[in-house]
N, C-alpha and C. Protein backbone atom coordinates (compact mmCIF):
# COMPACT_ATOMS: atom_id res chain seq x y z
N MET A 1 12.64 0.40 -78.89
CA MET A 1 12.75 0.75 -80.31
C MET A 1 13.91 1.72 -80.52
N PRO A 2 14.77 1.45 -81.49
CA PRO A 2 15.85 2.41 -81.77
C PRO A 2 15.29 3.68 -82.41
N ALA A 3 16.07 4.74 -82.34
CA ALA A 3 15.69 6.01 -82.97
C ALA A 3 16.50 6.20 -84.24
N LEU A 4 15.90 6.88 -85.19
CA LEU A 4 16.57 7.23 -86.45
C LEU A 4 16.52 8.74 -86.60
N VAL A 5 17.69 9.37 -86.67
CA VAL A 5 17.78 10.82 -86.78
C VAL A 5 18.21 11.20 -88.19
N PHE A 6 17.46 12.10 -88.80
CA PHE A 6 17.82 12.65 -90.10
C PHE A 6 18.52 13.98 -89.89
N ALA A 7 19.82 14.03 -90.22
CA ALA A 7 20.54 15.29 -90.23
C ALA A 7 20.20 16.05 -91.52
N ASN A 8 20.81 17.20 -91.71
CA ASN A 8 20.47 18.03 -92.87
C ASN A 8 21.62 18.05 -93.88
N GLY A 9 22.37 16.92 -93.95
CA GLY A 9 23.44 16.81 -94.93
C GLY A 9 22.98 16.08 -96.18
N GLU A 10 23.94 15.48 -96.85
CA GLU A 10 23.63 14.78 -98.10
C GLU A 10 22.99 13.43 -97.79
N PRO A 11 21.85 13.11 -98.39
CA PRO A 11 21.20 11.83 -98.09
C PRO A 11 21.91 10.66 -98.74
N PRO A 12 21.81 9.47 -98.15
CA PRO A 12 22.34 8.28 -98.79
C PRO A 12 21.44 7.84 -99.94
N SER A 13 21.74 6.72 -100.53
CA SER A 13 20.97 6.25 -101.68
C SER A 13 19.54 5.92 -101.29
N SER A 14 18.66 5.99 -102.27
CA SER A 14 17.25 5.66 -102.02
C SER A 14 17.11 4.20 -101.61
N GLU A 15 17.97 3.33 -102.15
CA GLU A 15 17.92 1.90 -101.78
C GLU A 15 18.24 1.72 -100.30
N PHE A 16 19.24 2.46 -99.82
CA PHE A 16 19.60 2.36 -98.41
C PHE A 16 18.46 2.85 -97.53
N LEU A 17 17.84 3.96 -97.89
CA LEU A 17 16.73 4.49 -97.10
C LEU A 17 15.53 3.56 -97.14
N THR A 18 15.30 2.91 -98.26
CA THR A 18 14.21 1.94 -98.35
C THR A 18 14.44 0.78 -97.39
N MET A 19 15.69 0.32 -97.30
CA MET A 19 16.04 -0.74 -96.36
C MET A 19 15.75 -0.30 -94.92
N LEU A 20 16.11 0.94 -94.58
CA LEU A 20 15.84 1.44 -93.23
C LEU A 20 14.35 1.58 -92.97
N ARG A 21 13.61 1.95 -93.98
CA ARG A 21 12.17 2.17 -93.79
C ARG A 21 11.44 0.88 -93.42
N ALA A 22 12.04 -0.27 -93.73
CA ALA A 22 11.42 -1.54 -93.40
C ALA A 22 11.60 -1.90 -91.92
N GLN A 23 12.40 -1.13 -91.18
CA GLN A 23 12.67 -1.41 -89.78
C GLN A 23 11.86 -0.46 -88.90
N PRO A 24 11.48 -0.91 -87.70
CA PRO A 24 10.75 -0.01 -86.78
C PRO A 24 11.70 1.00 -86.15
N TYR A 25 11.42 2.28 -86.32
CA TYR A 25 12.23 3.35 -85.76
C TYR A 25 11.33 4.44 -85.19
N PHE A 26 11.83 5.11 -84.15
CA PHE A 26 11.30 6.39 -83.71
C PHE A 26 12.06 7.43 -84.52
N VAL A 27 11.38 8.16 -85.39
CA VAL A 27 12.05 9.00 -86.38
C VAL A 27 12.06 10.45 -85.94
N VAL A 28 13.27 11.01 -85.86
CA VAL A 28 13.46 12.40 -85.46
C VAL A 28 14.26 13.11 -86.53
N ALA A 29 13.82 14.30 -86.91
CA ALA A 29 14.55 15.12 -87.87
C ALA A 29 15.27 16.24 -87.13
N ALA A 30 16.55 16.41 -87.46
CA ALA A 30 17.30 17.54 -86.93
C ALA A 30 17.04 18.74 -87.83
N ASP A 31 16.11 19.59 -87.42
CA ASP A 31 15.76 20.81 -88.16
C ASP A 31 15.44 20.49 -89.63
N GLY A 32 16.23 21.03 -90.57
CA GLY A 32 15.93 20.85 -91.98
C GLY A 32 16.06 19.44 -92.49
N GLY A 33 16.57 18.53 -91.65
CA GLY A 33 16.59 17.12 -92.02
C GLY A 33 15.20 16.55 -92.23
N ALA A 34 14.18 17.28 -91.77
CA ALA A 34 12.80 16.84 -91.99
C ALA A 34 12.50 16.67 -93.48
N ARG A 35 13.10 17.52 -94.30
CA ARG A 35 12.87 17.42 -95.75
C ARG A 35 13.33 16.06 -96.28
N HIS A 36 14.52 15.61 -95.85
CA HIS A 36 15.02 14.32 -96.30
C HIS A 36 14.11 13.19 -95.83
N ALA A 37 13.66 13.26 -94.57
CA ALA A 37 12.81 12.21 -94.03
C ALA A 37 11.49 12.12 -94.79
N LEU A 38 10.89 13.27 -95.05
CA LEU A 38 9.60 13.28 -95.75
C LEU A 38 9.76 12.81 -97.19
N GLU A 39 10.82 13.26 -97.86
CA GLU A 39 11.03 12.86 -99.25
C GLU A 39 11.29 11.35 -99.37
N ALA A 40 11.85 10.76 -98.31
CA ALA A 40 12.13 9.32 -98.32
C ALA A 40 10.94 8.49 -97.85
N GLY A 41 9.83 9.15 -97.50
CA GLY A 41 8.62 8.44 -97.14
C GLY A 41 8.52 8.00 -95.69
N PHE A 42 9.30 8.61 -94.79
CA PHE A 42 9.24 8.26 -93.38
C PHE A 42 8.17 9.07 -92.66
N ALA A 43 7.53 8.42 -91.69
CA ALA A 43 6.62 9.13 -90.79
C ALA A 43 7.47 9.78 -89.70
N VAL A 44 7.44 11.09 -89.60
CA VAL A 44 8.31 11.83 -88.69
C VAL A 44 7.62 12.01 -87.34
N ASP A 45 8.28 11.53 -86.27
CA ASP A 45 7.72 11.64 -84.93
C ASP A 45 8.06 12.96 -84.26
N ALA A 46 9.20 13.56 -84.63
CA ALA A 46 9.61 14.82 -84.00
C ALA A 46 10.58 15.54 -84.91
N VAL A 47 10.51 16.87 -84.90
CA VAL A 47 11.49 17.74 -85.55
C VAL A 47 12.09 18.60 -84.46
N VAL A 48 13.43 18.52 -84.30
CA VAL A 48 14.09 19.14 -83.16
C VAL A 48 15.21 20.05 -83.65
N GLY A 49 15.35 21.21 -83.03
CA GLY A 49 16.45 22.13 -83.36
C GLY A 49 16.00 23.56 -83.19
N ASP A 50 16.81 24.48 -83.73
CA ASP A 50 16.37 25.88 -83.66
C ASP A 50 15.33 26.20 -84.73
N LEU A 51 15.09 25.25 -85.64
CA LEU A 51 14.01 25.29 -86.64
C LEU A 51 14.18 26.41 -87.65
N ASP A 52 15.40 26.92 -87.81
CA ASP A 52 15.59 27.99 -88.79
C ASP A 52 15.64 27.46 -90.22
N SER A 53 15.76 26.14 -90.39
CA SER A 53 15.78 25.55 -91.73
C SER A 53 14.47 24.84 -92.08
N VAL A 54 13.48 24.96 -91.20
CA VAL A 54 12.17 24.35 -91.46
C VAL A 54 11.35 25.29 -92.33
N THR A 55 11.01 24.84 -93.52
CA THR A 55 10.26 25.66 -94.46
C THR A 55 8.76 25.64 -94.14
N ASP A 56 8.05 26.57 -94.74
CA ASP A 56 6.59 26.57 -94.58
C ASP A 56 5.98 25.29 -95.12
N GLU A 57 6.56 24.76 -96.19
CA GLU A 57 6.05 23.51 -96.76
C GLU A 57 6.18 22.36 -95.76
N ILE A 58 7.31 22.30 -95.06
CA ILE A 58 7.48 21.25 -94.05
C ILE A 58 6.48 21.44 -92.92
N ARG A 59 6.27 22.67 -92.49
CA ARG A 59 5.31 22.91 -91.41
C ARG A 59 3.89 22.51 -91.82
N ARG A 60 3.56 22.72 -93.08
CA ARG A 60 2.22 22.31 -93.53
C ARG A 60 2.09 20.79 -93.64
N SER A 61 3.23 20.10 -93.77
CA SER A 61 3.21 18.65 -93.98
C SER A 61 3.09 17.86 -92.67
N LEU A 62 3.33 18.53 -91.53
CA LEU A 62 3.40 17.82 -90.26
C LEU A 62 2.55 18.53 -89.21
N PRO A 63 2.03 17.78 -88.24
CA PRO A 63 1.28 18.42 -87.16
C PRO A 63 2.17 19.34 -86.33
N ALA A 64 1.60 20.40 -85.82
CA ALA A 64 2.38 21.37 -85.04
C ALA A 64 3.03 20.72 -83.82
N ALA A 65 2.43 19.67 -83.28
CA ALA A 65 2.93 19.05 -82.05
C ALA A 65 4.26 18.35 -82.23
N VAL A 66 4.66 18.06 -83.46
CA VAL A 66 5.93 17.33 -83.65
C VAL A 66 7.13 18.27 -83.62
N PHE A 67 6.91 19.58 -83.66
CA PHE A 67 8.03 20.53 -83.69
C PHE A 67 8.46 20.89 -82.27
N HIS A 68 9.76 20.73 -82.01
CA HIS A 68 10.32 21.02 -80.69
C HIS A 68 11.48 21.99 -80.87
N GLU A 69 11.24 23.25 -80.59
CA GLU A 69 12.28 24.26 -80.78
C GLU A 69 13.21 24.30 -79.58
N VAL A 70 14.51 24.14 -79.86
CA VAL A 70 15.55 24.24 -78.84
C VAL A 70 16.51 25.32 -79.32
N ALA A 71 16.49 26.46 -78.67
CA ALA A 71 17.17 27.65 -79.20
C ALA A 71 18.63 27.78 -78.80
N ARG A 72 19.17 26.83 -78.03
CA ARG A 72 20.56 26.94 -77.56
C ARG A 72 21.52 27.04 -78.75
N LEU A 73 22.44 28.01 -78.67
CA LEU A 73 23.41 28.21 -79.75
C LEU A 73 24.71 27.45 -79.53
N ASP A 74 24.89 26.84 -78.36
CA ASP A 74 26.14 26.15 -78.07
C ASP A 74 26.11 24.67 -78.46
N THR A 75 25.02 24.23 -79.08
CA THR A 75 24.94 22.87 -79.60
C THR A 75 24.36 22.92 -81.01
N THR A 76 24.73 21.94 -81.83
CA THR A 76 24.19 21.87 -83.19
C THR A 76 22.80 21.23 -83.15
N ASP A 77 22.10 21.35 -84.26
CA ASP A 77 20.77 20.72 -84.35
C ASP A 77 20.88 19.20 -84.24
N LEU A 78 21.96 18.62 -84.78
CA LEU A 78 22.13 17.18 -84.67
C LEU A 78 22.30 16.77 -83.21
N GLU A 79 23.11 17.51 -82.47
CA GLU A 79 23.25 17.21 -81.04
C GLU A 79 21.92 17.32 -80.32
N LYS A 80 21.16 18.34 -80.63
CA LYS A 80 19.85 18.53 -79.99
C LYS A 80 18.93 17.34 -80.29
N ALA A 81 18.95 16.88 -81.54
CA ALA A 81 18.07 15.77 -81.94
C ALA A 81 18.47 14.47 -81.24
N ILE A 82 19.77 14.19 -81.18
CA ILE A 82 20.22 12.97 -80.50
C ILE A 82 19.87 13.04 -79.02
N ARG A 83 20.11 14.20 -78.39
CA ARG A 83 19.78 14.35 -76.97
C ARG A 83 18.28 14.15 -76.75
N PHE A 84 17.46 14.64 -77.65
CA PHE A 84 16.01 14.46 -77.56
C PHE A 84 15.67 12.97 -77.55
N CYS A 85 16.31 12.20 -78.43
CA CYS A 85 16.06 10.75 -78.50
C CYS A 85 16.45 10.07 -77.20
N ILE A 86 17.60 10.42 -76.65
CA ILE A 86 18.07 9.81 -75.40
C ILE A 86 17.12 10.14 -74.26
N GLU A 87 16.70 11.40 -74.17
CA GLU A 87 15.79 11.79 -73.10
C GLU A 87 14.42 11.15 -73.24
N ALA A 88 14.08 10.74 -74.47
CA ALA A 88 12.82 10.03 -74.70
C ALA A 88 12.95 8.53 -74.41
N GLY A 89 14.14 8.10 -74.01
CA GLY A 89 14.32 6.72 -73.58
C GLY A 89 14.92 5.77 -74.60
N HIS A 90 15.46 6.30 -75.70
CA HIS A 90 16.02 5.44 -76.74
C HIS A 90 17.53 5.28 -76.52
N SER A 91 17.97 4.04 -76.33
CA SER A 91 19.38 3.77 -76.04
C SER A 91 20.19 3.47 -77.28
N GLU A 92 19.53 3.37 -78.44
CA GLU A 92 20.22 3.19 -79.71
C GLU A 92 19.72 4.27 -80.68
N VAL A 93 20.67 4.98 -81.29
CA VAL A 93 20.32 6.07 -82.20
C VAL A 93 21.15 5.92 -83.48
N ASP A 94 20.49 5.75 -84.61
CA ASP A 94 21.15 5.75 -85.91
C ASP A 94 20.94 7.12 -86.55
N VAL A 95 21.99 7.64 -87.17
CA VAL A 95 21.94 8.95 -87.81
C VAL A 95 22.22 8.78 -89.29
N VAL A 96 21.40 9.40 -90.13
CA VAL A 96 21.61 9.40 -91.57
C VAL A 96 21.65 10.84 -92.08
N CYS A 97 22.12 11.01 -93.30
CA CYS A 97 22.21 12.33 -93.94
C CYS A 97 23.18 13.25 -93.19
N ALA A 98 24.26 12.68 -92.69
CA ALA A 98 25.22 13.45 -91.89
C ALA A 98 26.49 13.80 -92.65
N GLY A 99 26.62 13.41 -93.90
CA GLY A 99 27.84 13.68 -94.66
C GLY A 99 27.58 14.56 -95.86
N GLY A 100 28.62 14.72 -96.68
CA GLY A 100 28.48 15.51 -97.90
C GLY A 100 28.44 17.00 -97.61
N GLY A 101 28.34 17.79 -98.67
CA GLY A 101 28.22 19.24 -98.51
C GLY A 101 29.47 19.85 -97.92
N ARG A 102 29.31 20.72 -96.93
CA ARG A 102 30.43 21.42 -96.32
C ARG A 102 31.29 20.48 -95.50
N ALA A 103 32.61 20.55 -95.70
CA ALA A 103 33.53 19.67 -94.98
C ALA A 103 33.49 19.92 -93.48
N ASP A 104 33.33 21.19 -93.07
CA ASP A 104 33.30 21.47 -91.64
C ASP A 104 32.09 20.85 -90.97
N HIS A 105 30.94 20.90 -91.67
CA HIS A 105 29.74 20.27 -91.11
C HIS A 105 29.90 18.76 -91.02
N ALA A 106 30.47 18.15 -92.06
CA ALA A 106 30.63 16.70 -92.05
C ALA A 106 31.54 16.25 -90.91
N LEU A 107 32.67 16.97 -90.71
CA LEU A 107 33.58 16.61 -89.63
C LEU A 107 32.94 16.87 -88.27
N ALA A 108 32.23 17.98 -88.15
CA ALA A 108 31.55 18.27 -86.89
C ALA A 108 30.51 17.21 -86.56
N ASN A 109 29.81 16.72 -87.58
CA ASN A 109 28.82 15.67 -87.34
C ASN A 109 29.49 14.40 -86.82
N LEU A 110 30.65 14.04 -87.37
CA LEU A 110 31.38 12.88 -86.87
C LEU A 110 31.81 13.10 -85.42
N SER A 111 32.21 14.31 -85.09
CA SER A 111 32.67 14.58 -83.73
C SER A 111 31.55 14.44 -82.71
N VAL A 112 30.31 14.57 -83.16
CA VAL A 112 29.18 14.43 -82.24
C VAL A 112 29.17 13.05 -81.58
N LEU A 113 29.72 12.05 -82.26
CA LEU A 113 29.73 10.70 -81.70
C LEU A 113 30.50 10.62 -80.39
N THR A 114 31.44 11.54 -80.18
CA THR A 114 32.25 11.49 -78.96
C THR A 114 31.50 12.02 -77.74
N GLY A 115 30.35 12.63 -77.92
CA GLY A 115 29.65 13.28 -76.82
C GLY A 115 28.54 12.48 -76.19
N PHE A 116 28.36 11.23 -76.61
CA PHE A 116 27.21 10.46 -76.10
C PHE A 116 27.62 9.07 -75.65
N ARG A 117 28.69 9.00 -74.85
CA ARG A 117 29.11 7.70 -74.31
C ARG A 117 27.99 7.10 -73.46
N GLY A 118 27.83 5.80 -73.56
CA GLY A 118 26.76 5.13 -72.83
C GLY A 118 25.52 4.92 -73.66
N THR A 119 25.44 5.60 -74.81
CA THR A 119 24.34 5.40 -75.76
C THR A 119 24.95 4.94 -77.08
N ARG A 120 24.34 3.97 -77.72
CA ARG A 120 24.86 3.47 -78.99
C ARG A 120 24.41 4.41 -80.11
N VAL A 121 25.28 5.33 -80.48
CA VAL A 121 24.98 6.27 -81.56
C VAL A 121 25.86 5.91 -82.75
N ARG A 122 25.24 5.78 -83.93
CA ARG A 122 25.96 5.40 -85.14
C ARG A 122 25.55 6.33 -86.28
N ILE A 123 26.52 6.72 -87.09
CA ILE A 123 26.24 7.44 -88.33
C ILE A 123 26.31 6.42 -89.46
N ARG A 124 25.26 6.34 -90.27
CA ARG A 124 25.16 5.27 -91.25
C ARG A 124 24.89 5.80 -92.65
N ASP A 125 25.51 5.15 -93.64
CA ASP A 125 25.13 5.30 -95.03
C ASP A 125 25.44 4.00 -95.74
N GLU A 126 25.34 3.98 -97.06
CA GLU A 126 25.53 2.73 -97.78
C GLU A 126 26.98 2.26 -97.78
N ALA A 127 27.91 3.13 -97.42
CA ALA A 127 29.32 2.76 -97.41
C ALA A 127 29.82 2.34 -96.03
N PHE A 128 29.45 3.08 -94.98
CA PHE A 128 30.00 2.84 -93.64
C PHE A 128 28.93 2.96 -92.57
N THR A 129 29.16 2.22 -91.49
CA THR A 129 28.54 2.50 -90.20
C THR A 129 29.65 3.00 -89.30
N VAL A 130 29.51 4.22 -88.78
CA VAL A 130 30.56 4.85 -87.99
C VAL A 130 30.08 4.95 -86.54
N SER A 131 30.95 4.50 -85.62
CA SER A 131 30.60 4.55 -84.20
C SER A 131 31.84 4.87 -83.38
N LEU A 132 31.63 5.27 -82.15
CA LEU A 132 32.72 5.52 -81.21
C LEU A 132 33.07 4.21 -80.52
N VAL A 133 34.37 3.91 -80.45
CA VAL A 133 34.81 2.74 -79.68
C VAL A 133 34.81 3.14 -78.20
N ASP A 134 33.80 2.68 -77.49
CA ASP A 134 33.64 3.03 -76.08
C ASP A 134 34.22 1.89 -75.24
N GLY A 135 35.54 1.85 -75.13
CA GLY A 135 36.21 0.75 -74.45
C GLY A 135 36.60 -0.32 -75.45
N SER A 136 35.61 -1.08 -75.91
CA SER A 136 35.89 -2.12 -76.91
C SER A 136 34.66 -2.34 -77.77
N GLU A 137 34.90 -2.83 -78.98
CA GLU A 137 33.83 -3.12 -79.92
C GLU A 137 34.14 -4.42 -80.66
N THR A 138 33.08 -5.14 -81.04
CA THR A 138 33.20 -6.32 -81.88
C THR A 138 32.85 -5.94 -83.31
N ILE A 139 33.62 -6.48 -84.26
CA ILE A 139 33.42 -6.15 -85.67
C ILE A 139 33.17 -7.45 -86.43
N GLU A 140 31.99 -7.58 -86.99
CA GLU A 140 31.63 -8.79 -87.71
C GLU A 140 31.51 -8.52 -89.20
N GLY A 141 31.83 -9.52 -90.00
CA GLY A 141 31.70 -9.40 -91.44
C GLY A 141 32.57 -10.43 -92.13
N PRO A 142 32.34 -10.62 -93.41
CA PRO A 142 33.16 -11.58 -94.15
C PRO A 142 34.60 -11.11 -94.29
N PRO A 143 35.54 -12.02 -94.46
CA PRO A 143 36.93 -11.61 -94.67
C PRO A 143 37.05 -10.62 -95.83
N GLY A 144 37.87 -9.59 -95.60
CA GLY A 144 38.03 -8.55 -96.61
C GLY A 144 37.15 -7.35 -96.40
N THR A 145 36.21 -7.42 -95.45
CA THR A 145 35.37 -6.26 -95.14
C THR A 145 36.25 -5.10 -94.69
N VAL A 146 36.04 -3.94 -95.26
CA VAL A 146 36.88 -2.77 -94.97
C VAL A 146 36.59 -2.23 -93.58
N VAL A 147 37.67 -1.93 -92.85
CA VAL A 147 37.58 -1.35 -91.52
C VAL A 147 38.61 -0.23 -91.42
N SER A 148 38.17 0.95 -90.97
CA SER A 148 39.10 2.06 -90.72
C SER A 148 38.95 2.53 -89.28
N LEU A 149 40.08 2.90 -88.69
CA LEU A 149 40.10 3.46 -87.34
C LEU A 149 40.69 4.86 -87.42
N VAL A 150 39.93 5.85 -86.96
CA VAL A 150 40.37 7.24 -87.03
C VAL A 150 40.31 7.84 -85.64
N ALA A 151 41.46 8.31 -85.17
CA ALA A 151 41.54 8.94 -83.86
C ALA A 151 41.15 10.40 -83.97
N ILE A 152 40.28 10.84 -83.07
CA ILE A 152 39.96 12.25 -82.95
C ILE A 152 40.86 12.80 -81.85
N GLY A 153 41.97 13.40 -82.24
CA GLY A 153 43.01 13.72 -81.28
C GLY A 153 43.99 12.57 -81.24
N GLU A 154 44.40 12.15 -80.05
CA GLU A 154 45.31 11.01 -79.90
C GLU A 154 44.66 9.94 -79.06
N CYS A 155 44.79 8.69 -79.50
CA CYS A 155 44.27 7.54 -78.76
C CYS A 155 45.44 6.66 -78.34
N THR A 156 45.40 6.18 -77.11
CA THR A 156 46.46 5.30 -76.61
C THR A 156 45.89 3.91 -76.34
N GLY A 157 46.79 2.94 -76.34
CA GLY A 157 46.38 1.57 -76.02
C GLY A 157 45.42 0.98 -77.03
N VAL A 158 45.58 1.30 -78.31
CA VAL A 158 44.69 0.76 -79.34
C VAL A 158 45.15 -0.67 -79.66
N THR A 159 44.25 -1.62 -79.47
CA THR A 159 44.55 -3.03 -79.71
C THR A 159 43.46 -3.65 -80.56
N THR A 160 43.85 -4.34 -81.60
CA THR A 160 42.88 -5.02 -82.46
C THR A 160 43.24 -6.50 -82.55
N ARG A 161 42.22 -7.31 -82.78
CA ARG A 161 42.40 -8.73 -83.02
C ARG A 161 41.46 -9.14 -84.15
N GLY A 162 41.99 -9.89 -85.11
CA GLY A 162 41.16 -10.38 -86.21
C GLY A 162 41.19 -9.51 -87.44
N LEU A 163 41.99 -8.43 -87.43
CA LEU A 163 42.16 -7.62 -88.62
C LEU A 163 43.42 -8.08 -89.36
N ARG A 164 43.51 -7.72 -90.62
CA ARG A 164 44.68 -8.15 -91.40
C ARG A 164 45.97 -7.57 -90.82
N TRP A 165 45.94 -6.29 -90.40
CA TRP A 165 47.08 -5.66 -89.75
C TRP A 165 46.67 -5.27 -88.35
N ASP A 166 47.00 -6.11 -87.38
CA ASP A 166 46.57 -5.88 -86.01
C ASP A 166 47.51 -4.92 -85.29
N LEU A 167 46.97 -4.28 -84.26
CA LEU A 167 47.72 -3.36 -83.40
C LEU A 167 47.69 -3.89 -81.97
N THR A 168 48.75 -3.62 -81.23
CA THR A 168 48.81 -4.02 -79.82
C THR A 168 49.32 -2.83 -79.00
N GLY A 169 48.44 -2.28 -78.17
CA GLY A 169 48.81 -1.16 -77.31
C GLY A 169 49.36 0.03 -78.07
N PHE A 170 48.82 0.28 -79.24
CA PHE A 170 49.37 1.29 -80.15
C PHE A 170 48.84 2.67 -79.79
N THR A 171 49.70 3.69 -79.96
CA THR A 171 49.25 5.07 -79.84
C THR A 171 48.95 5.61 -81.23
N LEU A 172 47.68 5.92 -81.45
CA LEU A 172 47.21 6.33 -82.78
C LEU A 172 46.89 7.81 -82.76
N PRO A 173 47.59 8.63 -83.54
CA PRO A 173 47.29 10.06 -83.60
C PRO A 173 46.18 10.34 -84.62
N PHE A 174 45.75 11.58 -84.64
CA PHE A 174 44.81 12.01 -85.69
C PHE A 174 45.59 12.04 -87.00
N SER A 175 45.37 11.02 -87.83
CA SER A 175 46.19 10.82 -89.02
C SER A 175 45.51 9.77 -89.89
N PRO A 176 46.05 9.53 -91.10
CA PRO A 176 45.50 8.45 -91.94
C PRO A 176 46.00 7.06 -91.55
N ARG A 177 46.74 6.95 -90.45
CA ARG A 177 47.43 5.69 -90.12
C ARG A 177 46.49 4.49 -90.04
N GLY A 178 45.28 4.67 -89.54
CA GLY A 178 44.39 3.52 -89.34
C GLY A 178 43.38 3.30 -90.45
N VAL A 179 43.57 3.97 -91.59
CA VAL A 179 42.58 3.90 -92.67
C VAL A 179 42.76 2.64 -93.51
N HIS A 180 41.67 2.01 -93.86
CA HIS A 180 41.56 0.89 -94.79
C HIS A 180 42.37 -0.34 -94.36
N ASN A 181 41.95 -0.86 -93.22
CA ASN A 181 42.34 -2.21 -92.81
C ASN A 181 41.24 -3.14 -93.31
N GLU A 182 41.27 -4.40 -92.91
CA GLU A 182 40.21 -5.31 -93.33
C GLU A 182 40.08 -6.46 -92.34
N ILE A 183 38.89 -7.02 -92.28
CA ILE A 183 38.65 -8.17 -91.41
C ILE A 183 39.37 -9.39 -91.99
N ALA A 184 40.16 -10.03 -91.15
CA ALA A 184 40.79 -11.29 -91.54
C ALA A 184 40.04 -12.48 -90.95
N GLU A 185 39.52 -12.29 -89.74
CA GLU A 185 38.80 -13.36 -89.05
C GLU A 185 37.67 -12.73 -88.24
N SER A 186 36.45 -13.18 -88.47
CA SER A 186 35.27 -12.62 -87.80
C SER A 186 34.82 -13.54 -86.66
N PRO A 187 34.45 -12.97 -85.51
CA PRO A 187 34.41 -11.54 -85.23
C PRO A 187 35.77 -10.99 -84.85
N ALA A 188 36.09 -9.81 -85.37
CA ALA A 188 37.28 -9.09 -84.97
C ALA A 188 36.93 -8.19 -83.79
N THR A 189 37.94 -7.67 -83.11
CA THR A 189 37.70 -6.77 -81.98
C THR A 189 38.65 -5.59 -82.05
N VAL A 190 38.23 -4.48 -81.45
CA VAL A 190 39.09 -3.31 -81.29
C VAL A 190 38.82 -2.73 -79.91
N SER A 191 39.89 -2.33 -79.22
CA SER A 191 39.75 -1.70 -77.92
C SER A 191 40.70 -0.51 -77.83
N VAL A 192 40.38 0.43 -76.94
CA VAL A 192 41.20 1.62 -76.77
C VAL A 192 41.24 1.96 -75.29
N ALA A 193 42.44 2.32 -74.80
CA ALA A 193 42.60 2.64 -73.38
C ALA A 193 42.14 4.06 -73.08
N SER A 194 42.50 5.01 -73.97
CA SER A 194 42.08 6.39 -73.76
C SER A 194 41.97 7.09 -75.11
N GLY A 195 41.11 8.11 -75.14
CA GLY A 195 40.93 8.89 -76.36
C GLY A 195 39.66 8.52 -77.11
N ASP A 196 39.36 9.34 -78.09
CA ASP A 196 38.14 9.18 -78.89
C ASP A 196 38.50 8.52 -80.22
N LEU A 197 38.14 7.25 -80.35
CA LEU A 197 38.48 6.46 -81.53
C LEU A 197 37.21 6.13 -82.30
N LEU A 198 37.18 6.54 -83.57
CA LEU A 198 36.03 6.25 -84.42
C LEU A 198 36.29 5.00 -85.24
N LEU A 199 35.30 4.11 -85.24
CA LEU A 199 35.33 2.88 -86.01
C LEU A 199 34.45 3.05 -87.25
N PHE A 200 35.07 2.93 -88.42
CA PHE A 200 34.36 2.95 -89.69
C PHE A 200 34.23 1.51 -90.17
N HIS A 201 33.05 0.96 -90.04
CA HIS A 201 32.79 -0.44 -90.42
C HIS A 201 32.21 -0.43 -91.83
N GLY A 202 33.02 -0.84 -92.80
CA GLY A 202 32.59 -0.79 -94.19
C GLY A 202 31.50 -1.80 -94.51
N GLN A 203 30.71 -1.48 -95.51
CA GLN A 203 29.63 -2.34 -95.94
C GLN A 203 29.98 -3.09 -97.21
N TRP A 204 31.28 -3.21 -97.50
CA TRP A 204 31.69 -3.92 -98.70
C TRP A 204 33.03 -4.62 -98.45
N VAL A 205 33.35 -5.55 -99.32
CA VAL A 205 34.60 -6.30 -99.24
C VAL A 205 35.57 -5.78 -100.30
N GLU A 206 36.79 -5.47 -99.87
CA GLU A 206 37.83 -5.02 -100.81
C GLU A 206 39.17 -5.52 -100.28
N ARG A 207 39.56 -6.68 -100.69
CA ARG A 207 40.79 -7.30 -100.20
C ARG A 207 42.01 -6.60 -100.77
N HIS A 208 42.99 -6.33 -99.91
CA HIS A 208 44.29 -5.85 -100.39
C HIS A 208 45.00 -6.98 -101.12
N ARG A 209 45.76 -6.63 -102.12
CA ARG A 209 46.53 -7.64 -102.86
C ARG A 209 47.95 -7.74 -102.30
């Protein structure tokens, strides 16, 4: 069973959360993310973090056994929650409520994807599914589906096939250079020789003219 982690950022639409609620998940809240999970009607299996954002109301709403305090200051609550899921045996982890609010928090949440190679960790909302390209990835969708590639630092050997503007052995810096490409032929592929490359797989079609 995949795990679903609620961060403590801005929640996606209620329609998107309703869609997720129809799927079987092991549900973990990263500290104050428990509020978003409960408000969206999810049964919370664990609340993980330093618990400084857990209110008395949240504690009254859940059994004491679901709270797991991890006091380390060198990791964020989101990192703690994802690590908890991996140690519990879940090889796929979807993260929601990771954007919005403070820009530093939103960027830091995206950077968390670079720390869990070997586990399929994705940040999801109604606009994008964001994942780390760990060697290579397949991208499926109808023609015109929006795809962005963002390097965290510098990535070398970036090669794509099936996108409208393909790359071959390209060196991609941290820049807007890879933003808003689109699927031309599905399945498309992207690979990277070195570096941390984030794949933003859009959930809508927007063809360039």
